[in-house]
Amino acid sequence: MFKLQENSTTVKTEVLAGFTTFFTMVYIVIVNPIILKDAGVPFDQVFTATIIATVIGTLWMALAANYPIAIAPGMGMNAYFAYSVVGTNGITYETAFAAVFVAGLIFVILSLTSFRKVLIEAIPDNLKHGITAGIGLFIAFIGMRQAGMIVSHPSNLVALGDLHSPTVLFALLGLTVTLILMAMRVHGALFLGMIVTAIVAFFTGHLSFDQGFVQMPSLPEGLIISNPFTAFADVWQHMLFPVVFSFLMVTIFDTTGTMIGVAQQAGLMKGNKMPRARQALLADSVAATAGSMFGTTPTSAYIESSAGVAAGGRTGLTTVTVAILFIIAAFFGPLVSAVSGLSSITAPALIIVGSLMMGAIAKIKWDEIDEAFPAFLIILSMPLTSSIATGIALGFISYPILKVVTGKWRVVHPLVYVFAVLFFYQLAFLPH
């Protein structure tokens, strides 16, 4: 079924690769509930939804596309959901999940058509790199804030936190341990760093497991949050079109880029094309649509899958193993809940993931002002406005303006002009 011989691999290699990928990305079952809890979504709801979406997407990727690429709720979009969408103009998390559902459904449709390719090719590369780096900076900012490393300041807006507080000390410990493990190329460094920090916190009396470690997974009341029959009406009523667009665009670019990158690493590209690309993209879009109904943000292909590929994973058997391990993780809800109560355990993961995403800055053409400044505006404005959508909007507005005044208006795809007008209307006339 997985064509192991054709891909020069074995069952043992694939299973070990699955374990490697799982331990590299399992931090999401802790980090995602913590972020969405700030938006008011119950912890148990997000924990269950995270596992459901991950299992659906990863199994689809394994069985339909036969790729060693895992799917799970994406970092960045959960922060955008919690800190930029929910609470704005009275938008509840239930309504925001309607926007995620609509974006996922559109993604499904685009994955079945050629428009996805047109959309990806229409967006300038430098804007894509700016969006990735900006989200990374925003995530790192959230991590430092949660850890208490930075605090609010009446004059300068932000300032250095109390480095003697236990919260900051635990975060610095976790950051140090994780970075050392990553420098030593230890697989699962993010997860192991959280484990070490949790152990130290436990023995120093700052972490307790009053509810135990293991329990039978239970479905929370009101498991279905986003009603698919009213989702479009909710989006229309609250004018969430920019939110839907932001979810859709970032998910498409992030997923496509990650899939191509991991497939190239595994040597699975054929003539610079990705075989079974449609089935692979459907894995992400279907998982995003289903996940929104249960209570989690858009899913994405995980770059952490490259760790499993480095361990020899070449087929969907790797991702079947990942899905099974996430199902087992569902039995450790009390453990995850206790760890999530101490934000400094997970904050280093946010900071480091942010730093990895910042690597996209190197690909920006900094010597061309009409290319560099829109990307810079995206990167700068995302953390400073606490809004991924605002950063994207400013980049898309400034890019065609600079191209027009420099006489390069013909190189701009017509869709970019359309997006620029829509974003200008959003910033100028819609409430924020």
Protein backbone atom coordinates (compact mmCIF):
# COMPACT_ATOMS: atom_id res chain seq x y z
CA MET A 1 0.00 0.00 0.00
CA PHE A 2 2.78 2.45 0.87
CA LYS A 3 5.18 1.19 -1.84
CA LEU A 4 8.04 0.74 0.60
CA GLN A 5 10.34 -1.04 -1.86
CA GLU A 6 9.83 1.62 -4.55
CA ASN A 7 10.88 4.25 -2.01
CA SER A 8 13.84 2.21 -0.73
CA THR A 9 12.61 2.02 2.86
CA THR A 10 11.43 -0.53 5.43
CA VAL A 11 8.66 -0.81 8.01
CA LYS A 12 11.15 -0.34 10.85
CA THR A 13 12.61 2.80 9.28
CA GLU A 14 9.17 4.30 8.63
CA VAL A 15 7.94 3.64 12.17
CA LEU A 16 11.07 5.13 13.72
CA ALA A 17 10.71 8.14 11.44
CA GLY A 18 7.10 8.49 12.63
CA PHE A 19 8.23 8.54 16.26
CA THR A 20 10.82 11.18 15.37
CA THR A 21 8.27 13.44 13.68
CA PHE A 22 5.79 12.97 16.52
CA PHE A 23 8.20 13.97 19.29
CA THR A 24 9.35 16.94 17.22
CA MET A 25 5.81 18.36 16.79
CA VAL A 26 3.88 17.05 19.81
CA TYR A 27 4.42 20.40 21.52
CA ILE A 28 1.37 21.62 19.57
CA VAL A 29 -1.03 19.70 21.84
CA ILE A 30 0.24 21.89 24.70
CA VAL A 31 0.90 25.19 22.96
CA ASN A 32 -2.28 25.35 20.88
CA PRO A 33 -4.69 25.03 23.86
CA ILE A 34 -2.70 27.64 25.78
CA ILE A 35 -2.95 30.20 22.98
CA LEU A 36 -6.62 29.59 22.22
CA LYS A 37 -7.45 29.61 25.94
CA ASP A 38 -6.59 33.32 25.85
CA ALA A 39 -9.47 33.69 23.36
CA GLY A 40 -11.85 32.04 25.81
CA VAL A 41 -11.95 28.61 24.17
CA PRO A 42 -12.08 25.89 26.89
CA PHE A 43 -8.82 23.98 27.27
CA ASP A 44 -10.41 20.53 26.90
CA GLN A 45 -12.16 21.70 23.75
CA VAL A 46 -8.95 22.80 22.06
CA PHE A 47 -6.98 19.78 23.27
CA THR A 48 -9.55 17.41 21.75
CA ALA A 49 -9.95 19.47 18.57
CA THR A 50 -6.19 19.68 18.06
CA ILE A 51 -5.86 15.91 18.14
CA ILE A 52 -8.94 15.35 15.94
CA ALA A 53 -7.72 17.79 13.26
CA THR A 54 -4.18 16.39 13.39
CA VAL A 55 -5.34 12.79 13.04
CA ILE A 56 -7.75 13.60 10.18
CA GLY A 57 -5.19 15.58 8.18
CA THR A 58 -2.25 13.30 8.85
CA LEU A 59 -4.16 10.10 8.00
CA TRP A 60 -5.45 11.71 4.79
CA MET A 61 -1.90 12.64 3.87
CA ALA A 62 -0.78 9.08 4.62
CA LEU A 63 -3.52 7.12 2.90
CA ALA A 64 -4.41 9.37 -0.05
CA ALA A 65 -1.09 11.06 -0.87
CA ASN A 66 1.43 8.60 0.66
CA TYR A 67 3.73 11.34 1.92
CA PRO A 68 5.69 11.47 5.21
CA ILE A 69 4.28 14.94 5.93
CA ALA A 70 2.26 15.50 9.11
CA ILE A 71 -0.64 17.95 9.42
CA ALA A 72 -1.63 19.86 12.57
CA PRO A 73 -3.01 23.27 13.63
CA GLY A 74 -0.50 25.84 12.41
CA MET A 75 1.50 28.18 14.59
CA GLY A 76 0.80 31.80 13.74
CA MET A 77 -2.82 31.34 12.76
CA ASN A 78 -3.70 30.36 16.33
CA ALA A 79 -2.07 33.58 17.55
CA TYR A 80 -3.91 35.59 14.90
CA PHE A 81 -7.19 33.97 15.94
CA ALA A 82 -6.68 34.57 19.66
CA TYR A 83 -5.16 38.04 19.69
CA SER A 84 -6.37 39.75 16.50
CA VAL A 85 -9.79 38.31 15.65
CA VAL A 86 -11.60 37.26 18.83
CA GLY A 87 -12.76 40.25 20.86
CA THR A 88 -12.59 42.66 17.92
CA ASN A 89 -15.94 44.37 17.41
CA GLY A 90 -17.60 41.88 19.74
CA ILE A 91 -16.55 38.80 17.75
CA THR A 92 -16.77 35.64 19.86
CA TYR A 93 -14.60 32.61 19.32
CA GLU A 94 -17.65 30.73 17.99
CA THR A 95 -18.07 33.35 15.27
CA ALA A 96 -14.35 33.35 14.54
CA PHE A 97 -14.44 29.59 14.02
CA ALA A 98 -17.10 30.20 11.37
CA ALA A 99 -14.48 32.21 9.46
CA VAL A 100 -12.02 29.34 9.82
CA PHE A 101 -14.66 26.93 8.48
CA VAL A 102 -15.38 29.11 5.46
CA ALA A 103 -11.66 29.54 4.74
CA GLY A 104 -11.18 25.77 4.98
CA LEU A 105 -14.08 25.10 2.63
CA ILE A 106 -12.71 27.60 0.08
CA PHE A 107 -9.31 25.93 0.45
CA VAL A 108 -10.93 22.57 -0.37
CA ILE A 109 -12.45 24.05 -3.52
CA LEU A 110 -9.18 25.73 -4.54
CA SER A 111 -7.30 22.47 -3.98
CA LEU A 112 -9.60 20.84 -6.53
CA THR A 113 -9.01 23.54 -9.15
CA SER A 114 -6.11 25.29 -10.86
CA PHE A 115 -6.93 28.63 -9.19
CA ARG A 116 -4.75 27.65 -6.23
CA LYS A 117 -1.72 27.68 -8.50
CA VAL A 118 -2.72 31.05 -9.99
CA LEU A 119 -3.18 32.55 -6.53
CA ILE A 120 0.16 31.32 -5.26
CA GLU A 121 1.98 32.58 -8.35
CA ALA A 122 0.21 35.97 -8.18
CA ILE A 123 1.58 36.94 -4.77
CA PRO A 124 5.12 38.38 -4.99
CA ASP A 125 7.77 36.23 -3.36
CA ASN A 126 9.03 39.06 -1.18
CA LEU A 127 5.57 39.55 0.32
CA LYS A 128 5.38 35.83 1.06
CA HIS A 129 8.75 35.96 2.82
CA GLY A 130 7.68 39.08 4.72
CA ILE A 131 4.49 37.38 5.91
CA THR A 132 6.41 34.34 7.17
CA ALA A 133 8.99 36.47 8.99
CA GLY A 134 6.36 38.82 10.40
CA ILE A 135 4.36 35.96 11.86
CA GLY A 136 7.56 34.58 13.34
CA LEU A 137 8.34 37.87 15.04
CA PHE A 138 4.76 38.10 16.32
CA ILE A 139 4.89 34.56 17.75
CA ALA A 140 8.22 35.25 19.48
CA PHE A 141 6.78 38.45 20.95
CA ILE A 142 3.82 36.50 22.36
CA GLY A 143 6.18 33.92 23.84
CA MET A 144 8.32 36.55 25.57
CA ARG A 145 5.20 38.25 26.89
CA GLN A 146 3.75 35.01 28.25
CA ALA A 147 7.05 34.21 29.94
CA GLY A 148 7.21 37.63 31.57
CA MET A 149 10.45 38.48 29.80
CA ILE A 150 8.82 41.65 28.53
CA VAL A 151 6.11 43.63 30.28
CA SER A 152 4.06 46.73 29.56
CA HIS A 153 5.60 50.16 30.19
CA PRO A 154 3.72 53.48 30.45
CA SER A 155 6.22 55.41 28.32
CA ASN A 156 7.96 52.89 26.08
CA LEU A 157 4.99 50.48 25.74
CA VAL A 158 7.25 47.50 26.56
CA ALA A 159 10.15 46.93 28.93
CA LEU A 160 12.30 44.13 30.34
CA GLY A 161 10.47 41.99 32.89
CA ASP A 162 11.63 40.85 36.32
CA LEU A 163 14.42 38.39 35.58
CA HIS A 164 14.28 37.10 39.16
CA SER A 165 10.69 35.89 38.97
CA PRO A 166 10.19 32.09 38.82
CA THR A 167 8.19 32.39 35.59
CA VAL A 168 11.03 34.13 33.77
CA LEU A 169 13.66 31.82 35.25
CA PHE A 170 11.78 28.72 34.10
CA ALA A 171 11.37 30.20 30.62
CA LEU A 172 15.08 31.02 30.42
CA LEU A 173 15.90 27.49 31.56
CA GLY A 174 13.63 25.97 28.93
CA LEU A 175 15.03 28.28 26.25
CA THR A 176 18.62 27.37 27.14
CA VAL A 177 18.00 23.63 27.26
CA THR A 178 16.05 23.64 24.00
CA LEU A 179 18.64 25.69 22.14
CA ILE A 180 21.44 23.42 23.34
CA LEU A 181 19.52 20.35 22.17
CA MET A 182 18.78 21.98 18.82
CA ALA A 183 22.44 22.94 18.38
CA MET A 184 23.30 19.28 19.04
CA ARG A 185 20.68 18.32 16.40
CA VAL A 186 18.62 16.30 18.87
CA HIS A 187 15.24 15.38 17.38
CA GLY A 188 12.29 16.57 19.44
CA ALA A 189 14.31 19.36 21.09
CA LEU A 190 11.24 21.59 21.55
CA PHE A 191 9.33 18.83 23.31
CA LEU A 192 12.32 17.70 25.40
CA GLY A 193 12.96 21.28 26.49
CA MET A 194 9.41 21.49 27.83
CA ILE A 195 9.84 18.16 29.63
CA VAL A 196 13.05 19.29 31.36
CA THR A 197 11.44 22.58 32.42
CA ALA A 198 8.35 20.78 33.70
CA ILE A 199 10.48 18.38 35.77
CA VAL A 200 12.39 21.25 37.38
CA ALA A 201 9.15 23.13 38.04
CA PHE A 202 7.63 20.03 39.62
CA PHE A 203 10.51 19.41 42.02
CA THR A 204 10.62 23.09 43.00
CA GLY A 205 6.92 23.08 43.85
CA HIS A 206 5.74 25.29 40.97
CA LEU A 207 3.98 22.51 39.08
CA SER A 208 1.57 19.90 40.43
CA PHE A 209 -0.47 17.09 38.92
CA ASP A 210 -3.54 17.08 41.12
CA GLN A 211 -5.66 15.43 38.44
CA GLY A 212 -3.15 12.68 37.74
CA PHE A 213 -1.50 11.94 34.42
CA VAL A 214 -3.81 9.71 32.42
CA GLN A 215 -7.55 9.46 31.89
CA MET A 216 -9.91 8.18 29.26
CA PRO A 217 -10.39 10.84 26.58
CA SER A 218 -13.80 12.46 26.77
CA LEU A 219 -15.66 14.62 24.32
CA PRO A 220 -16.50 18.02 25.84
CA GLU A 221 -20.06 19.24 25.86
CA GLY A 222 -20.87 21.23 22.75
CA LEU A 223 -18.10 19.51 20.83
CA ILE A 224 -19.26 21.00 17.55
CA ILE A 225 -18.53 24.74 17.85
CA SER A 226 -18.79 25.97 14.28
CA ASN A 227 -22.17 25.22 12.70
CA PRO A 228 -21.49 24.69 8.97
CA PHE A 229 -25.07 25.65 8.15
CA THR A 230 -24.70 29.15 9.62
CA ALA A 231 -20.98 29.77 9.00
CA PHE A 232 -21.45 31.83 5.82
CA ALA A 233 -24.20 33.89 7.46
CA ASP A 234 -21.92 34.60 10.44
CA VAL A 235 -19.09 35.71 8.16
CA TRP A 236 -21.45 37.99 6.23
CA GLN A 237 -23.06 39.46 9.33
CA HIS A 238 -19.76 40.35 10.98
CA MET A 239 -17.96 41.29 7.73
CA LEU A 240 -15.20 38.77 8.34
CA PHE A 241 -14.08 38.61 4.72
CA PRO A 242 -10.57 40.01 5.48
CA VAL A 243 -10.23 37.43 8.25
CA VAL A 244 -11.24 34.61 5.91
CA PHE A 245 -8.78 35.89 3.31
CA SER A 246 -5.95 36.08 5.86
CA PHE A 247 -6.59 32.54 7.08
CA LEU A 248 -6.81 31.28 3.51
CA MET A 249 -3.76 33.03 2.12
CA VAL A 250 -1.35 32.24 4.94
CA THR A 251 -2.52 28.62 5.07
CA ILE A 252 -2.11 28.13 1.31
CA PHE A 253 1.38 29.63 1.16
CA ASP A 254 2.60 28.00 4.36
CA THR A 255 1.26 24.57 3.48
CA THR A 256 2.42 24.59 -0.13
CA GLY A 257 5.90 25.83 0.75
CA THR A 258 6.32 23.28 3.53
CA MET A 259 5.08 20.38 1.42
CA ILE A 260 7.43 21.22 -1.42
CA GLY A 261 10.36 21.70 0.95
CA VAL A 262 9.85 18.37 2.74
CA ALA A 263 9.17 16.52 -0.53
CA GLN A 264 12.41 17.90 -1.97
CA GLN A 265 14.31 16.83 1.13
CA ALA A 266 12.88 13.31 0.80
CA GLY A 267 13.71 13.17 -2.92
CA LEU A 268 10.05 12.73 -3.84
CA MET A 269 9.83 15.56 -6.39
CA LYS A 270 9.55 14.48 -10.02
CA GLY A 271 10.87 16.96 -12.57
CA ASN A 272 10.42 19.90 -10.16
CA LYS A 273 6.79 18.88 -9.66
CA MET A 274 5.16 17.28 -6.65
CA PRO A 275 3.25 14.09 -7.54
CA ARG A 276 -0.20 13.72 -5.93
CA ALA A 277 -0.11 17.40 -4.98
CA ARG A 278 -3.89 17.66 -5.11
CA GLN A 279 -4.37 14.81 -2.63
CA ALA A 280 -1.72 16.33 -0.36
CA LEU A 281 -3.36 19.77 -0.36
CA LEU A 282 -6.75 18.19 0.31
CA ALA A 283 -5.30 16.67 3.48
CA ASP A 284 -4.67 20.14 4.88
CA SER A 285 -7.89 21.75 3.64
CA VAL A 286 -10.14 18.93 4.87
CA ALA A 287 -8.41 18.94 8.27
CA ALA A 288 -8.81 22.72 8.53
CA THR A 289 -12.53 22.51 7.75
CA ALA A 290 -13.14 19.67 10.19
CA GLY A 291 -10.93 21.19 12.88
CA SER A 292 -12.87 24.46 12.87
CA MET A 293 -16.08 22.57 13.67
CA PHE A 294 -14.48 21.01 16.75
CA GLY A 295 -12.67 24.12 17.94
CA THR A 296 -9.21 24.69 16.52
CA THR A 297 -7.58 27.05 14.04
CA PRO A 298 -6.40 26.26 10.48
CA THR A 299 -4.10 23.31 10.02
CA SER A 300 -0.86 23.31 8.09
CA ALA A 301 1.81 20.93 6.87
CA TYR A 302 4.47 20.79 9.58
CA ILE A 303 8.06 21.60 8.74
CA GLU A 304 8.93 19.35 11.70
CA SER A 305 8.15 16.49 9.30
CA SER A 306 11.65 17.09 7.94
CA ALA A 307 12.99 15.51 11.13
CA GLY A 308 11.20 12.27 10.26
CA VAL A 309 12.46 12.49 6.68
CA ALA A 310 15.99 12.93 8.01
CA ALA A 311 15.42 9.73 10.02
CA GLY A 312 14.54 7.88 6.82
CA GLY A 313 10.79 8.43 6.41
CA ARG A 314 9.69 8.32 2.79
CA THR A 315 6.06 7.13 2.74
CA GLY A 316 2.67 7.47 4.37
CA LEU A 317 3.56 4.74 6.86
CA THR A 318 5.57 7.40 8.69
CA THR A 319 2.50 9.62 9.01
CA VAL A 320 0.23 6.71 9.98
CA THR A 321 2.60 6.21 12.90
CA VAL A 322 2.36 9.92 13.75
CA ALA A 323 -1.46 9.76 13.72
CA ILE A 324 -1.53 6.71 15.99
CA LEU A 325 0.80 8.42 18.48
CA PHE A 326 -1.45 11.51 18.55
CA ILE A 327 -4.43 9.26 19.30
CA ILE A 328 -2.46 7.82 22.24
CA ALA A 329 -1.66 11.39 23.35
CA ALA A 330 -5.40 11.95 23.79
CA PHE A 331 -5.23 9.79 26.95
CA PHE A 332 -2.81 12.24 28.61
CA GLY A 333 -5.17 15.21 28.90
CA PRO A 334 -4.57 15.80 32.66
CA LEU A 335 -0.80 15.88 32.12
CA VAL A 336 -1.08 18.36 29.27
CA SER A 337 -3.57 20.48 31.22
CA ALA A 338 -1.24 20.73 34.23
CA VAL A 339 1.76 21.67 32.09
CA SER A 340 -0.26 24.30 30.24
CA GLY A 341 -0.98 26.05 33.53
CA LEU A 342 2.63 27.24 33.67
CA SER A 343 3.09 29.37 30.55
CA SER A 344 6.87 29.58 30.92
CA ILE A 345 7.08 25.89 29.97
CA THR A 346 5.70 26.51 26.50
CA ALA A 347 6.94 30.07 25.94
CA PRO A 348 10.41 28.95 24.75
CA ALA A 349 8.76 26.90 22.00
CA LEU A 350 6.97 30.01 20.75
CA ILE A 351 10.18 32.05 20.80
CA ILE A 352 12.21 29.42 18.97
CA VAL A 353 9.52 28.68 16.36
CA GLY A 354 9.39 32.44 15.78
CA SER A 355 13.15 32.56 15.25
CA LEU A 356 12.98 29.73 12.72
CA MET A 357 10.27 31.54 10.76
CA MET A 358 12.38 34.69 10.75
CA GLY A 359 14.82 32.89 8.45
CA ALA A 360 12.62 33.99 5.55
CA ILE A 361 14.14 37.48 5.88
CA ALA A 362 17.27 36.26 4.13
CA LYS A 363 15.27 35.66 0.93
CA ILE A 364 13.97 39.24 0.67
CA LYS A 365 15.56 41.49 -1.97
CA TRP A 366 16.75 44.20 0.41
CA ASP A 367 18.65 46.09 -2.29
CA GLU A 368 15.40 46.90 -4.16
CA ILE A 369 13.32 49.41 -2.17
CA ASP A 370 10.09 48.66 -4.06
CA GLU A 371 10.45 45.00 -3.05
CA ALA A 372 12.02 45.42 0.38
CA PHE A 373 9.89 48.11 2.00
CA PRO A 374 6.49 46.36 1.63
CA ALA A 375 8.04 43.23 3.15
CA PHE A 376 9.61 45.32 5.92
CA LEU A 377 6.24 46.98 6.59
CA ILE A 378 4.64 43.56 7.03
CA ILE A 379 7.36 42.35 9.39
CA LEU A 380 7.31 45.55 11.47
CA SER A 381 3.56 46.02 11.74
CA MET A 382 2.50 42.49 12.67
CA PRO A 383 3.99 42.47 16.20
CA LEU A 384 3.53 46.22 16.76
CA THR A 385 -0.18 46.18 15.88
CA SER A 386 -0.76 42.65 17.26
CA SER A 387 -2.46 41.87 13.96
CA ILE A 388 -1.29 39.55 11.20
CA ALA A 389 -4.09 40.79 8.95
CA THR A 390 -3.00 44.42 9.34
CA GLY A 391 0.56 43.53 8.42
CA ILE A 392 -0.59 41.70 5.31
CA ALA A 393 -2.88 44.59 4.37
CA LEU A 394 -0.14 47.23 4.64
CA GLY A 395 2.21 45.11 2.54
CA PHE A 396 -0.35 44.53 -0.19
CA ILE A 397 -1.27 48.23 -0.32
CA SER A 398 2.28 49.57 -0.44
CA TYR A 399 3.63 47.03 -2.97
CA PRO A 400 1.59 48.06 -6.04
CA ILE A 401 1.94 51.76 -5.15
CA LEU A 402 5.73 51.53 -5.26
CA LYS A 403 5.63 49.49 -8.45
CA VAL A 404 3.39 52.06 -10.16
CA VAL A 405 5.56 55.07 -9.22
CA THR A 406 8.71 53.27 -10.38
CA GLY A 407 7.13 52.39 -13.71
CA LYS A 408 7.00 48.66 -13.02
CA TRP A 409 3.22 48.36 -12.80
CA ARG A 410 3.13 45.67 -15.49
CA VAL A 411 5.00 43.16 -13.29
CA VAL A 412 2.23 43.26 -10.68
CA HIS A 413 -0.40 40.57 -11.12
CA PRO A 414 -3.97 41.93 -11.49
CA LEU A 415 -5.02 39.97 -8.39
CA VAL A 416 -2.55 41.98 -6.29
CA TYR A 417 -4.27 45.22 -7.37
CA VAL A 418 -7.61 43.69 -6.39
CA PHE A 419 -6.24 42.67 -2.99
CA ALA A 420 -4.76 46.15 -2.50
CA VAL A 421 -8.14 47.82 -3.08
CA LEU A 422 -9.90 45.38 -0.76
CA PHE A 423 -7.33 45.85 2.01
CA PHE A 424 -7.43 49.64 1.64
CA TYR A 425 -11.19 49.56 1.99
CA GLN A 426 -10.86 47.36 5.07
CA LEU A 427 -8.37 49.68 6.82
CA ALA A 428 -10.03 52.92 5.78
CA PHE A 429 -13.72 52.21 6.22
CA LEU A 430 -14.25 49.11 8.38
CA PRO A 431 -14.03 49.31 12.20
CA HIS A 432 -10.94 47.88 13.90
